[in-house]
Amino acid sequence: MSDDWKLKHVSVYAEGTDKRLLLSDVNLTFKAGQITLLIGKNGAGKSTLLETMTGIRQLSEGEIRLGEASLWIMDSRRKRLDHKVALKLGISMQSSESQWFASTVRDEFLYSLKPYKVAPEAAKQRMESALAEAGLSIEMLERDPWTLSGGQQRRLSLACLLACEPEWLLLDEPTAGLDAVGVRRLCAVLEAHRAAGRGAVVATHDLDALLPLADAVAVVSGGTIREAAAAAAIAHAAAAPQALRALAELRAEAALPPQAPLRSGGAPWPAPREVAAALAAELARKPRERAGAAVRAVSAAASCGKSESAAGPSSANRNGVPSAAARELLRSDRFDPRSLIVVYFLLAAAIFAQKTFLELAIAGIFTILLLIPFRSLIWPWIRIIRAYAIMIAILCVIGGLSLAPISFDGERAFPIFIRFSKLLLIMLLGMPMLKLMTPMRLQRAIEQTFGWLSRLRVPIHSFALLVTLIFRFIPLLTGEWGRFAKLAHARGKAVTPLKTVPVSMLRSILIPYVRSILRLAEQMADALEARGFGYAKARPTYGFLLRFNRSDAILLLIAVCSSLLLFLTAFLQ
């Protein structure tokens, strides 16, 4: 018999600059030996809850325990996943294709089984047994998982979980893409899993297939989760006709008045006036709930702001909710890309002109002051910045070190420090630009500025498209690496910080990562061809035109004044 999942005051915020509250103060227990369904609208938070329970999404507040063991433990002042707990659960993600990276189905199985240290012969038996349970043939072991149909990929995702024999199955839309036979096999797998005393949490919209199996149902709505429904109520709903089940769901969502005594004729339906009054009350209640949620969010942001002096500014960036002014400033359409590029080149040239330590320190102060409004855009790059700073220190030590005799010459290390520090400041200035302008706006900026060169047969539109593709591909590279990092934690059971890949796994995922990037490039080329790129047009039509505004003027003024002061500082020294 496995242990119960216990969630206490669990809250999760969205990543990036938009610090939305995805899960709010969740208190719930998922009992072992039971199948619990998570139901709710798209975007309600079902996938977020499953990823949080698995440990592949950062927990902002609260605690998650499996029996007496906590999913997250403190280690050297940092939270990390408990490896023993991670081995007891397995998750199947909503998009099956997001889980593959190996060249064959066999390699996918072996990657999932590696953390469990299964002997080769036992691993072979587990693979064959799991494939049979999922309804796949053994010959499929040599197939590329990307070449399988959607339903086959869904079955393979389940088979990879079954081969690991976890105590808990966390399934996200497991019936999507399955035919009737596949759904029946899934139900048989869940029944066998429950019979073995193990538990399952299933996020689904397919109530017809899975509701008869469920021991409990939890309703997810707007990041909050209602207490699971009783088994007797579920059994009654599963046996009821579709119309009565729809009526029960409406009542469960408080969109209809409670069950009234049977009317003449035995019809349980309420009168039209009752339905209209109940719906009007529900529509009036929702704005009040949203207002209350906004007040709570502001209060949380204020409390984060009060604790910022003690915890540092990064604490507010991670957990705080940005103000309306901050969100307005960080919009990708706030500034004209041309003004951003001019500002960047002005400040970069001024930084390059600095030669002494004092000049570099002044340039560093100017850079920090200019980047304070955009600090939330730089925070995701903090690990790269830290690694670069460590590299500068190492290069300075190597450059100033003498072996005969052993000594350190600061004058030899100083030029290295100056050059690489200037590059660091310039790199910091460029980091917010990826978020402050979209690739489409950058393409439009190039075409509007240099479009007249096309009359001289200069392929300016092709050049603009190339620049746009480069800017689009950079987020794809980082996003794909993030996917591999998620797989390292979800399937490889890594306990390193999220969004990182353990050094021990780099060797096994490096070639698959390159293959995945090439596949993305091929898909992008197909998409461009399908949209007609590459076919010359006599006179292109633009959906929008860029124009300088007040924000651009203020930004340019600040950049011009700052660069002039830095140039004067360099020339006066």
Protein backbone atom coordinates (compact mmCIF):
# COMPACT_ATOMS: atom_id res chain seq x y z
CA MET A 1 0.00 0.00 0.00
CA SER A 2 1.48 3.36 -1.01
CA ASP A 3 1.30 6.58 1.01
CA ASP A 4 -1.17 9.44 0.67
CA TRP A 5 -0.34 12.69 -1.12
CA LYS A 6 -0.89 15.68 1.17
CA LEU A 7 -0.89 19.25 -0.11
CA LYS A 8 -0.90 22.01 2.53
CA HIS A 9 -1.31 25.70 1.61
CA VAL A 10 0.27 25.14 -1.81
CA SER A 11 0.60 28.22 -4.02
CA VAL A 12 2.39 28.54 -7.35
CA TYR A 13 3.21 31.66 -9.36
CA ALA A 14 3.79 31.82 -13.12
CA GLU A 15 7.35 32.11 -14.34
CA GLY A 16 8.81 35.07 -16.21
CA THR A 17 7.70 38.66 -15.87
CA ASP A 18 4.00 37.81 -15.53
CA LYS A 19 3.78 36.70 -11.88
CA ARG A 20 0.22 35.39 -12.06
CA LEU A 21 -1.05 33.21 -9.26
CA LEU A 22 -1.62 29.80 -10.86
CA LEU A 23 -2.48 27.83 -7.73
CA SER A 24 -3.82 29.53 -4.63
CA ASP A 25 -3.69 27.99 -1.13
CA VAL A 26 -4.45 24.40 -2.16
CA ASN A 27 -5.21 22.03 0.73
CA LEU A 28 -5.99 18.54 -0.46
CA THR A 29 -5.25 14.90 0.25
CA PHE A 30 -5.08 12.25 -2.46
CA LYS A 31 -5.57 8.86 -0.86
CA ALA A 32 -3.52 5.82 -1.81
CA GLY A 33 -5.40 2.97 -3.43
CA GLN A 34 -7.79 5.43 -5.08
CA ILE A 35 -8.23 7.03 -8.48
CA THR A 36 -8.90 10.77 -8.25
CA LEU A 37 -10.04 12.76 -11.27
CA LEU A 38 -9.15 16.42 -11.74
CA ILE A 39 -11.82 18.19 -13.78
CA GLY A 40 -12.15 21.79 -14.84
CA LYS A 41 -11.99 24.14 -17.80
CA ASN A 42 -8.91 24.65 -19.96
CA GLY A 43 -6.40 26.81 -18.11
CA ALA A 44 -7.98 26.12 -14.72
CA GLY A 45 -4.70 24.77 -13.30
CA LYS A 46 -4.94 20.98 -13.69
CA SER A 47 -1.60 20.57 -15.48
CA THR A 48 0.04 23.03 -13.11
CA LEU A 49 -1.13 20.98 -10.14
CA LEU A 50 0.23 17.73 -11.60
CA GLU A 51 3.60 19.32 -12.44
CA THR A 52 3.80 20.81 -8.95
CA MET A 53 3.08 17.42 -7.37
CA THR A 54 5.84 15.90 -9.51
CA GLY A 55 8.37 18.57 -8.60
CA ILE A 56 8.99 19.85 -12.13
CA ARG A 57 7.36 23.18 -11.30
CA GLN A 58 8.71 25.38 -8.54
CA LEU A 59 6.66 25.49 -5.36
CA SER A 60 6.19 29.10 -4.22
CA GLU A 61 4.47 28.48 -0.89
CA GLY A 62 3.23 25.54 1.13
CA GLU A 63 4.29 21.94 1.48
CA ILE A 64 3.80 18.67 -0.42
CA ARG A 65 4.28 15.37 1.38
CA LEU A 66 4.06 11.73 0.35
CA GLY A 67 3.23 10.04 3.62
CA GLU A 68 5.73 11.45 6.11
CA ALA A 69 8.36 12.39 3.49
CA SER A 70 8.46 15.88 2.00
CA LEU A 71 8.80 16.28 -1.76
CA TRP A 72 11.18 19.21 -1.22
CA ILE A 73 13.99 19.13 1.35
CA MET A 74 16.47 21.79 2.43
CA ASP A 75 20.06 21.14 1.41
CA SER A 76 22.77 23.76 1.89
CA ARG A 77 20.23 26.61 2.14
CA ARG A 78 18.55 25.51 -1.08
CA LYS A 79 15.45 23.44 -1.71
CA ARG A 80 15.94 20.28 -3.72
CA LEU A 81 13.78 17.30 -4.63
CA ASP A 82 13.87 14.22 -2.45
CA HIS A 83 15.15 11.53 -4.81
CA LYS A 84 13.41 8.72 -2.92
CA VAL A 85 10.05 10.46 -3.22
CA ALA A 86 10.60 11.26 -6.91
CA LEU A 87 11.16 7.57 -7.66
CA LYS A 88 7.71 6.73 -6.30
CA LEU A 89 5.81 8.74 -8.91
CA GLY A 90 5.55 9.02 -12.65
CA ILE A 91 3.93 11.68 -14.79
CA SER A 92 2.55 11.54 -18.32
CA MET A 93 2.42 15.05 -19.77
CA GLN A 94 -0.46 16.53 -21.72
CA SER A 95 1.49 16.56 -25.00
CA SER A 96 3.07 13.15 -25.47
CA GLU A 97 5.42 14.41 -28.17
CA SER A 98 7.05 16.77 -25.66
CA GLN A 99 8.50 13.76 -23.81
CA TRP A 100 10.59 12.26 -26.62
CA PHE A 101 14.20 12.93 -27.45
CA ALA A 102 15.84 9.52 -28.06
CA SER A 103 16.24 7.98 -31.52
CA THR A 104 14.33 4.75 -30.71
CA VAL A 105 11.52 3.62 -28.43
CA ARG A 106 13.98 1.25 -26.72
CA ASP A 107 16.23 4.19 -25.77
CA GLU A 108 13.21 6.05 -24.37
CA PHE A 109 12.47 3.07 -22.13
CA LEU A 110 16.08 2.76 -21.02
CA TYR A 111 16.22 6.46 -20.11
CA SER A 112 13.09 6.15 -17.96
CA LEU A 113 14.44 2.99 -16.26
CA LYS A 114 17.96 4.33 -15.64
CA PRO A 115 17.20 6.03 -12.27
CA TYR A 116 15.75 2.74 -10.97
CA LYS A 117 19.00 0.82 -11.70
CA VAL A 118 17.18 -2.15 -13.21
CA ALA A 119 19.31 -5.06 -14.46
CA PRO A 120 19.41 -5.46 -18.28
CA GLU A 121 17.41 -8.70 -18.30
CA ALA A 122 14.78 -7.28 -15.93
CA ALA A 123 14.62 -4.10 -18.01
CA LYS A 124 13.91 -6.15 -21.14
CA GLN A 125 11.07 -7.98 -19.38
CA ARG A 126 9.62 -4.73 -18.08
CA MET A 127 9.68 -3.15 -21.53
CA GLU A 128 7.93 -6.08 -23.17
CA SER A 129 5.33 -6.32 -20.40
CA ALA A 130 4.62 -2.57 -20.48
CA LEU A 131 4.23 -2.57 -24.26
CA ALA A 132 1.76 -5.45 -24.03
CA GLU A 133 -0.27 -3.68 -21.34
CA ALA A 134 -0.41 -0.53 -23.44
CA GLY A 135 -1.39 -2.45 -26.56
CA LEU A 136 1.85 -1.92 -28.53
CA SER A 137 3.91 -4.56 -30.35
CA ILE A 138 7.47 -5.49 -29.39
CA GLU A 139 8.64 -4.61 -32.90
CA MET A 140 7.97 -0.99 -32.03
CA LEU A 141 11.09 -0.91 -29.83
CA GLU A 142 13.23 -0.04 -32.85
CA ARG A 143 10.91 2.70 -34.14
CA ASP A 144 11.56 6.42 -33.81
CA PRO A 145 8.97 7.73 -31.31
CA TRP A 146 8.45 10.84 -33.45
CA THR A 147 7.20 8.68 -36.32
CA LEU A 148 4.38 7.13 -34.26
CA SER A 149 0.79 8.31 -34.53
CA GLY A 150 -0.73 10.47 -31.79
CA GLY A 151 -2.55 7.52 -30.23
CA GLN A 152 0.58 5.35 -30.32
CA GLN A 153 2.61 8.08 -28.66
CA ARG A 154 -0.03 8.35 -25.93
CA ARG A 155 0.19 4.58 -25.36
CA LEU A 156 3.99 4.71 -25.36
CA SER A 157 3.92 7.46 -22.72
CA LEU A 158 1.83 5.20 -20.49
CA ALA A 159 4.08 2.19 -21.22
CA CYS A 160 7.19 4.12 -20.14
CA LEU A 161 5.47 4.81 -16.82
CA LEU A 162 4.34 1.22 -16.33
CA ALA A 163 7.87 -0.08 -16.94
CA CYS A 164 9.07 1.98 -13.95
CA GLU A 165 6.32 0.56 -11.70
CA PRO A 166 5.72 3.79 -9.71
CA GLU A 167 3.44 3.91 -6.69
CA TRP A 168 1.61 6.94 -8.07
CA LEU A 169 0.50 7.66 -11.63
CA LEU A 170 -0.07 11.33 -12.53
CA LEU A 171 -1.76 11.43 -15.92
CA ASP A 172 -2.60 14.58 -17.87
CA GLU A 173 -5.38 14.01 -20.44
CA PRO A 174 -4.45 10.32 -20.94
CA THR A 175 -7.42 9.58 -23.26
CA ALA A 176 -6.56 12.33 -25.78
CA GLY A 177 -5.91 10.73 -29.17
CA LEU A 178 -6.89 7.23 -28.04
CA ASP A 179 -9.46 5.13 -29.83
CA ALA A 180 -12.07 3.03 -28.01
CA VAL A 181 -9.68 0.08 -27.61
CA GLY A 182 -6.98 2.33 -26.21
CA VAL A 183 -9.38 3.86 -23.69
CA ARG A 184 -10.45 0.40 -22.51
CA ARG A 185 -6.80 -0.60 -22.07
CA LEU A 186 -6.15 2.57 -20.08
CA CYS A 187 -9.09 1.83 -17.80
CA ALA A 188 -7.82 -1.74 -17.29
CA VAL A 189 -4.37 -0.41 -16.39
CA LEU A 190 -5.84 2.02 -13.86
CA GLU A 191 -7.99 -0.70 -12.29
CA ALA A 192 -4.98 -3.00 -11.94
CA HIS A 193 -2.92 -0.16 -10.50
CA ARG A 194 -5.60 0.54 -7.87
CA ALA A 195 -5.99 -3.17 -7.08
CA ALA A 196 -2.27 -3.24 -6.21
CA GLY A 197 -2.90 -0.60 -3.52
CA ARG A 198 -1.41 2.24 -5.54
CA GLY A 199 -2.87 5.65 -6.37
CA ALA A 200 -3.54 7.73 -9.45
CA VAL A 201 -4.43 11.37 -10.12
CA VAL A 202 -5.88 11.93 -13.59
CA ALA A 203 -6.63 15.30 -15.19
CA THR A 204 -9.28 14.76 -17.82
CA HIS A 205 -12.24 16.11 -19.77
CA ASP A 206 -13.36 12.60 -20.74
CA LEU A 207 -15.83 11.95 -17.92
CA ASP A 208 -17.77 9.33 -19.93
CA ALA A 209 -14.79 6.97 -19.93
CA LEU A 210 -13.12 7.64 -16.59
CA LEU A 211 -15.90 8.73 -14.21
CA PRO A 212 -17.12 5.16 -13.59
CA LEU A 213 -13.58 4.27 -12.40
CA ALA A 214 -13.10 7.22 -10.08
CA ASP A 215 -13.10 7.01 -6.30
CA ALA A 216 -13.08 10.80 -5.97
CA VAL A 217 -13.34 13.91 -8.13
CA ALA A 218 -11.72 17.28 -7.47
CA VAL A 219 -12.91 20.40 -9.31
CA VAL A 220 -10.14 22.82 -10.36
CA SER A 221 -11.29 26.37 -11.06
CA GLY A 222 -9.17 29.50 -11.31
CA GLY A 223 -6.25 28.00 -9.40
CA THR A 224 -8.39 26.80 -6.51
CA ILE A 225 -9.47 23.21 -5.88
CA ARG A 226 -12.69 22.10 -4.30
CA GLU A 227 -12.87 19.20 -1.92
CA ALA A 228 -13.14 15.88 -3.73
CA ALA A 229 -16.63 14.56 -4.32
CA ALA A 230 -17.83 11.51 -2.45
CA ALA A 231 -17.66 8.10 -4.13
CA ALA A 232 -21.41 7.56 -3.76
CA ALA A 233 -22.17 10.79 -5.61
CA ILE A 234 -19.75 9.83 -8.38
CA ALA A 235 -21.32 6.41 -8.80
CA HIS A 236 -24.78 7.99 -8.99
CA ALA A 237 -23.57 10.53 -11.57
CA ALA A 238 -21.88 7.85 -13.65
CA ALA A 239 -25.09 5.81 -13.79
CA ALA A 240 -27.31 8.80 -14.57
CA PRO A 241 -28.33 9.81 -18.09
CA GLN A 242 -26.22 12.49 -19.78
CA ALA A 243 -28.84 15.21 -19.22
CA LEU A 244 -29.01 14.55 -15.47
CA ARG A 245 -25.23 14.46 -15.23
CA ALA A 246 -25.04 17.84 -16.95
CA LEU A 247 -27.59 19.17 -14.47
CA ALA A 248 -25.53 17.79 -11.57
CA GLU A 249 -22.39 19.49 -12.90
CA LEU A 250 -24.21 22.83 -13.16
CA ARG A 251 -25.38 22.50 -9.57
CA ALA A 252 -21.88 21.54 -8.47
CA GLU A 253 -20.58 24.76 -10.01
CA ALA A 254 -23.29 26.73 -8.14
CA ALA A 255 -24.79 27.83 -11.43
CA LEU A 256 -28.17 26.34 -10.52
CA PRO A 257 -30.17 26.30 -7.28
CA PRO A 258 -29.98 23.21 -5.05
CA GLN A 259 -32.05 20.14 -5.80
CA ALA A 260 -35.70 20.88 -5.19
CA PRO A 261 -38.44 18.32 -4.38
CA LEU A 262 -39.77 16.53 -7.41
CA ARG A 263 -42.41 18.49 -9.27
CA SER A 264 -45.57 17.10 -10.66
CA GLY A 265 -44.62 14.59 -13.31
CA GLY A 266 -41.36 13.75 -11.53
CA ALA A 267 -39.21 16.22 -13.51
CA PRO A 268 -36.17 17.44 -11.52
CA TRP A 269 -35.66 20.45 -13.75
CA PRO A 270 -36.06 23.94 -12.18
CA ALA A 271 -38.39 26.52 -13.59
CA PRO A 272 -36.95 28.93 -16.22
CA ARG A 273 -37.21 31.87 -13.80
CA GLU A 274 -35.18 29.96 -11.22
CA VAL A 275 -32.49 29.20 -13.79
CA ALA A 276 -32.33 32.86 -14.92
CA ALA A 277 -32.12 34.15 -11.34
CA ALA A 278 -29.41 31.65 -10.42
CA LEU A 279 -27.32 32.47 -13.50
CA ALA A 280 -27.66 36.23 -12.84
CA ALA A 281 -26.48 35.72 -9.25
CA GLU A 282 -23.55 33.63 -10.45
CA LEU A 283 -22.50 36.27 -13.00
CA ALA A 284 -22.67 38.94 -10.30
CA ARG A 285 -20.63 36.80 -7.90
CA LYS A 286 -17.71 36.18 -10.26
CA PRO A 287 -16.62 39.87 -10.58
CA ARG A 288 -16.68 40.14 -6.78
CA GLU A 289 -14.49 37.03 -6.53
CA ARG A 290 -12.06 38.44 -9.08
CA ALA A 291 -11.91 41.73 -7.17
CA GLY A 292 -11.24 39.84 -3.95
CA ALA A 293 -8.47 37.86 -5.67
CA ALA A 294 -6.94 41.11 -6.93
CA VAL A 295 -6.97 42.56 -3.41
CA ARG A 296 -5.28 39.42 -2.09
CA ALA A 297 -2.67 39.62 -4.86
CA VAL A 298 -1.92 43.26 -4.04
CA SER A 299 -1.63 42.39 -0.36
CA ALA A 300 0.78 39.58 -1.23
CA ALA A 301 2.84 41.94 -3.36
CA ALA A 302 2.93 44.47 -0.53
CA SER A 303 4.08 41.84 1.94
CA CYS A 304 6.79 40.78 -0.51
CA GLY A 305 7.86 44.40 -0.83
CA LYS A 306 8.13 44.75 2.95
CA SER A 307 10.33 41.66 3.15
CA GLU A 308 12.47 42.74 0.21
CA SER A 309 14.92 44.61 2.40
CA ALA A 310 15.57 41.43 4.33
CA ALA A 311 15.43 38.87 1.55
CA GLY A 312 16.93 40.98 -1.25
CA PRO A 313 15.38 42.36 -4.44
CA SER A 314 15.41 38.99 -6.14
CA SER A 315 12.87 37.69 -3.64
CA ALA A 316 10.31 40.20 -4.81
CA ASN A 317 11.09 39.39 -8.44
CA ARG A 318 10.52 35.70 -7.91
CA ASN A 319 7.34 35.80 -5.85
CA GLY A 320 5.95 39.32 -6.14
CA VAL A 321 3.29 40.42 -8.59
CA PRO A 322 4.49 43.23 -10.92
CA SER A 323 2.67 46.50 -10.67
CA ALA A 324 0.58 47.81 -13.54
CA ALA A 325 3.26 50.42 -14.31
CA ALA A 326 5.96 47.74 -14.46
CA ARG A 327 3.88 45.58 -16.80
CA GLU A 328 3.23 48.58 -19.03
CA LEU A 329 6.95 49.38 -19.20
CA LEU A 330 7.90 45.80 -20.06
CA ARG A 331 5.40 45.38 -22.91
CA SER A 332 7.02 44.10 -26.11
CA ASP A 333 5.30 46.86 -28.14
CA ARG A 334 6.16 49.75 -25.80
CA PHE A 335 9.32 50.83 -27.63
CA ASP A 336 10.20 51.11 -31.29
CA PRO A 337 12.94 48.53 -32.07
CA ARG A 338 14.91 51.23 -33.90
CA SER A 339 15.16 53.32 -30.75
CA LEU A 340 16.23 50.29 -28.71
CA ILE A 341 19.00 49.47 -31.21
CA VAL A 342 20.24 53.08 -31.28
CA VAL A 343 20.25 53.19 -27.47
CA TYR A 344 22.17 49.93 -27.29
CA PHE A 345 24.86 51.04 -29.76
CA LEU A 346 25.28 54.43 -28.06
CA LEU A 347 25.78 52.92 -24.62
CA ALA A 348 27.94 50.05 -25.93
CA ALA A 349 30.27 52.51 -27.68
CA ALA A 350 30.52 54.61 -24.52
CA ILE A 351 31.36 51.55 -22.42
CA PHE A 352 34.03 50.44 -24.90
CA ALA A 353 35.70 53.85 -24.54
CA GLN A 354 36.40 53.29 -20.82
CA LYS A 355 40.00 52.34 -20.02
CA THR A 356 40.70 52.64 -16.29
CA PHE A 357 39.14 50.96 -13.28
CA LEU A 358 37.47 54.20 -12.18
CA GLU A 359 35.95 54.74 -15.63
CA LEU A 360 34.71 51.16 -15.68
CA ALA A 361 33.18 51.56 -12.22
CA ILE A 362 31.31 54.69 -13.35
CA ALA A 363 30.09 52.85 -16.46
CA GLY A 364 28.94 49.98 -14.25
CA ILE A 365 26.95 52.37 -12.04
CA PHE A 366 25.28 53.94 -15.09
CA THR A 367 24.46 50.48 -16.49
CA ILE A 368 22.90 49.29 -13.23
CA LEU A 369 20.81 52.45 -12.88
CA LEU A 370 19.54 52.14 -16.46
CA LEU A 371 18.66 48.45 -16.00
CA ILE A 372 16.82 48.77 -12.69
CA PRO A 373 13.38 49.19 -14.39
CA PHE A 374 14.11 46.08 -16.49
CA ARG A 375 15.65 43.91 -13.75
CA SER A 376 12.89 41.31 -13.99
CA LEU A 377 13.92 40.65 -17.61
CA ILE A 378 17.52 40.04 -16.54
CA TRP A 379 16.74 37.75 -13.63
CA PRO A 380 16.21 34.60 -15.79
CA TRP A 381 19.82 35.02 -17.02
CA ILE A 382 21.32 35.23 -13.53
CA ARG A 383 23.05 31.84 -13.78
CA ILE A 384 24.74 32.82 -17.05
CA ILE A 385 25.84 36.14 -15.52
CA ARG A 386 27.24 34.33 -12.49
CA ALA A 387 29.10 31.84 -14.68
CA TYR A 388 30.56 34.66 -16.78
CA ALA A 389 31.75 36.50 -13.65
CA ILE A 390 33.44 33.31 -12.41
CA MET A 391 35.10 32.91 -15.82
CA ILE A 392 36.48 36.48 -15.58
CA ALA A 393 37.95 35.71 -12.17
CA ILE A 394 39.56 32.49 -13.44
CA LEU A 395 41.02 34.20 -16.52
CA CYS A 396 42.43 37.02 -14.37
CA VAL A 397 44.11 34.50 -12.07
CA ILE A 398 45.57 32.57 -15.01
CA GLY A 399 46.71 35.76 -16.78
CA GLY A 400 48.43 37.20 -13.72
CA LEU A 401 49.99 33.98 -12.45
CA SER A 402 53.73 33.42 -12.84
CA LEU A 403 55.36 30.03 -12.22
CA ALA A 404 59.05 30.95 -11.95
CA PRO A 405 58.88 31.96 -9.19
CA ILE A 406 55.24 31.45 -8.21
CA SER A 407 53.69 34.92 -7.94
CA PHE A 408 50.75 37.00 -9.09
CA ASP A 409 51.20 40.11 -11.24
CA GLY A 410 48.17 42.39 -10.97
CA GLU A 411 49.28 44.56 -13.88
CA ARG A 412 49.08 41.60 -16.24
CA ALA A 413 45.64 40.59 -14.97
CA PHE A 414 44.22 44.13 -15.09
CA PRO A 415 43.78 44.37 -18.92
CA ILE A 416 41.96 41.02 -18.89
CA PHE A 417 39.62 42.25 -16.17
CA ILE A 418 38.90 45.51 -18.00
CA ARG A 419 38.15 43.89 -21.38
CA PHE A 420 35.93 41.12 -20.10
CA SER A 421 34.13 43.42 -17.65
CA LYS A 422 33.23 45.80 -20.47
CA LEU A 423 31.82 42.84 -22.40
CA LEU A 424 29.81 41.88 -19.32
CA LEU A 425 28.23 45.35 -19.09
CA ILE A 426 27.41 45.31 -22.81
CA MET A 427 25.91 41.83 -22.44
CA LEU A 428 23.73 43.06 -19.57
CA LEU A 429 22.44 45.91 -21.74
CA GLY A 430 21.47 43.49 -24.50
CA MET A 431 19.62 40.96 -22.32
CA PRO A 432 16.32 42.93 -21.97
CA MET A 433 16.16 43.57 -25.71
CA LEU A 434 15.01 40.02 -26.48
CA LYS A 435 11.85 40.69 -24.49
CA LEU A 436 11.30 44.36 -25.30
CA MET A 437 10.80 43.73 -29.00
CA THR A 438 9.26 40.87 -30.90
CA PRO A 439 10.92 39.37 -34.00
CA MET A 440 8.04 40.64 -36.15
CA ARG A 441 8.54 44.23 -34.97
CA LEU A 442 12.28 43.93 -35.55
CA GLN A 443 11.65 42.73 -39.10
CA ARG A 444 9.28 45.60 -39.70
CA ALA A 445 11.86 48.08 -38.33
CA ILE A 446 14.50 46.86 -40.81
CA GLU A 447 12.07 46.95 -43.71
CA GLN A 448 10.80 50.46 -42.89
CA THR A 449 14.30 51.87 -42.40
CA PHE A 450 16.12 50.23 -45.29
CA GLY A 451 13.24 49.26 -47.58
CA TRP A 452 14.33 51.85 -50.16
CA LEU A 453 17.44 49.76 -50.85
CA SER A 454 15.25 47.16 -52.55
CA ARG A 455 14.97 49.57 -55.49
CA LEU A 456 18.73 49.09 -55.92
CA ARG A 457 18.20 45.31 -55.99
CA VAL A 458 19.51 44.90 -52.47
CA PRO A 459 17.66 41.90 -50.89
CA ILE A 460 16.66 43.85 -47.81
CA HIS A 461 13.46 41.88 -47.22
CA SER A 462 15.39 38.60 -47.23
CA PHE A 463 17.92 40.09 -44.82
CA ALA A 464 15.13 41.25 -42.52
CA LEU A 465 13.61 37.78 -42.61
CA LEU A 466 17.00 36.23 -41.76
CA VAL A 467 17.43 38.52 -38.75
CA THR A 468 13.91 37.72 -37.63
CA LEU A 469 14.54 33.98 -37.88
CA ILE A 470 17.72 34.31 -35.82
CA PHE A 471 15.83 36.14 -33.10
CA ARG A 472 13.04 33.58 -33.22
CA PHE A 473 15.47 30.69 -33.05
CA ILE A 474 17.24 31.94 -29.90
CA PRO A 475 14.11 31.46 -27.74
CA LEU A 476 13.59 28.10 -29.44
CA LEU A 477 17.08 27.02 -28.36
CA THR A 478 16.51 28.05 -24.75
CA GLY A 479 12.97 26.64 -24.75
CA GLU A 480 14.18 23.28 -26.07
CA TRP A 481 16.89 23.18 -23.44
CA GLY A 482 14.21 23.90 -20.85
CA ARG A 483 12.24 20.94 -22.18
CA PHE A 484 15.26 18.67 -21.78
CA ALA A 485 15.76 19.99 -18.24
CA LYS A 486 12.12 19.19 -17.44
CA LEU A 487 12.59 15.66 -18.81
CA ALA A 488 15.71 15.26 -16.68
CA HIS A 489 13.58 15.88 -13.59
CA ALA A 490 10.33 14.19 -14.66
CA ARG A 491 11.82 11.04 -16.19
CA GLY A 492 15.49 11.10 -15.17
CA LYS A 493 14.53 11.87 -11.53
CA ALA A 494 17.24 14.56 -11.27
CA VAL A 495 17.35 16.54 -8.03
CA THR A 496 19.37 19.49 -9.31
CA PRO A 497 17.72 22.95 -9.44
CA LEU A 498 14.88 23.17 -11.94
CA LYS A 499 15.73 24.28 -15.50
CA THR A 500 19.19 22.72 -15.15
CA VAL A 501 20.54 19.42 -16.44
CA PRO A 502 22.89 17.42 -14.19
CA VAL A 503 26.43 17.04 -15.47
CA SER A 504 26.02 13.26 -15.39
CA MET A 505 23.17 13.51 -17.93
CA LEU A 506 24.83 15.92 -20.37
CA ARG A 507 26.52 13.13 -22.25
CA SER A 508 23.28 11.25 -22.86
CA ILE A 509 21.23 14.25 -24.03
CA LEU A 510 23.74 16.32 -26.02
CA ILE A 511 23.29 14.50 -29.36
CA PRO A 512 19.48 14.22 -28.89
CA TYR A 513 19.43 17.97 -28.21
CA VAL A 514 21.22 18.70 -31.49
CA ARG A 515 18.82 16.34 -33.34
CA SER A 516 15.87 18.10 -31.78
CA ILE A 517 17.17 21.52 -32.86
CA LEU A 518 17.62 20.27 -36.44
CA ARG A 519 14.05 18.94 -36.36
CA LEU A 520 12.79 22.34 -35.19
CA ALA A 521 14.71 24.05 -37.99
CA GLU A 522 13.14 21.72 -40.53
CA GLN A 523 9.67 22.41 -39.15
CA MET A 524 10.33 26.16 -39.31
CA ALA A 525 11.44 25.87 -42.94
CA ASP A 526 8.26 23.95 -43.82
CA ALA A 527 6.13 26.57 -42.05
CA LEU A 528 7.83 29.42 -43.94
CA GLU A 529 7.32 27.68 -47.26
CA ALA A 530 3.66 27.02 -46.45
CA ARG A 531 3.16 30.72 -45.70
CA GLY A 532 4.67 31.80 -49.00
CA PHE A 533 8.01 33.19 -47.80
CA GLY A 534 10.60 33.21 -50.55
CA TYR A 535 8.17 34.21 -53.28
CA ALA A 536 8.87 37.72 -54.52
CA LYS A 537 6.13 40.30 -54.28
CA ALA A 538 6.06 43.44 -56.40
CA ARG A 539 4.70 45.57 -53.60
CA PRO A 540 4.38 44.07 -50.10
CA THR A 541 1.45 45.03 -47.90
CA TYR A 542 2.20 45.70 -44.20
CA GLY A 543 -0.24 44.95 -41.40
CA PHE A 544 1.15 47.76 -39.23
CA LEU A 545 3.79 50.50 -39.30
CA LEU A 546 6.17 51.50 -36.52
CA ARG A 547 6.19 55.05 -35.18
CA PHE A 548 8.33 56.80 -32.59
CA ASN A 549 6.45 57.78 -29.44
CA ARG A 550 7.09 59.58 -26.19
CA SER A 551 8.63 56.52 -24.53
CA ASP A 552 11.17 56.24 -27.35
CA ALA A 553 12.08 59.92 -27.02
CA ILE A 554 12.63 59.63 -23.25
CA LEU A 555 14.71 56.48 -23.66
CA LEU A 556 16.86 58.09 -26.36
CA LEU A 557 17.36 61.21 -24.25
CA ILE A 558 18.53 59.17 -21.29
CA ALA A 559 20.87 57.13 -23.50
CA VAL A 560 22.37 60.22 -25.17
CA CYS A 561 23.00 61.97 -21.84
CA SER A 562 24.47 58.83 -20.26
CA SER A 563 26.78 58.09 -23.21
CA LEU A 564 27.97 61.73 -23.36
CA LEU A 565 28.85 61.65 -19.65
CA LEU A 566 30.74 58.40 -20.10
CA PHE A 567 32.65 59.75 -23.13
CA LEU A 568 33.56 62.91 -21.19
CA THR A 569 34.74 60.81 -18.26
CA ALA A 570 36.96 58.75 -20.58
CA PHE A 571 38.46 61.80 -22.35
CA LEU A 572 39.11 63.77 -19.15
CA GLN A 573 41.06 61.00 -17.45
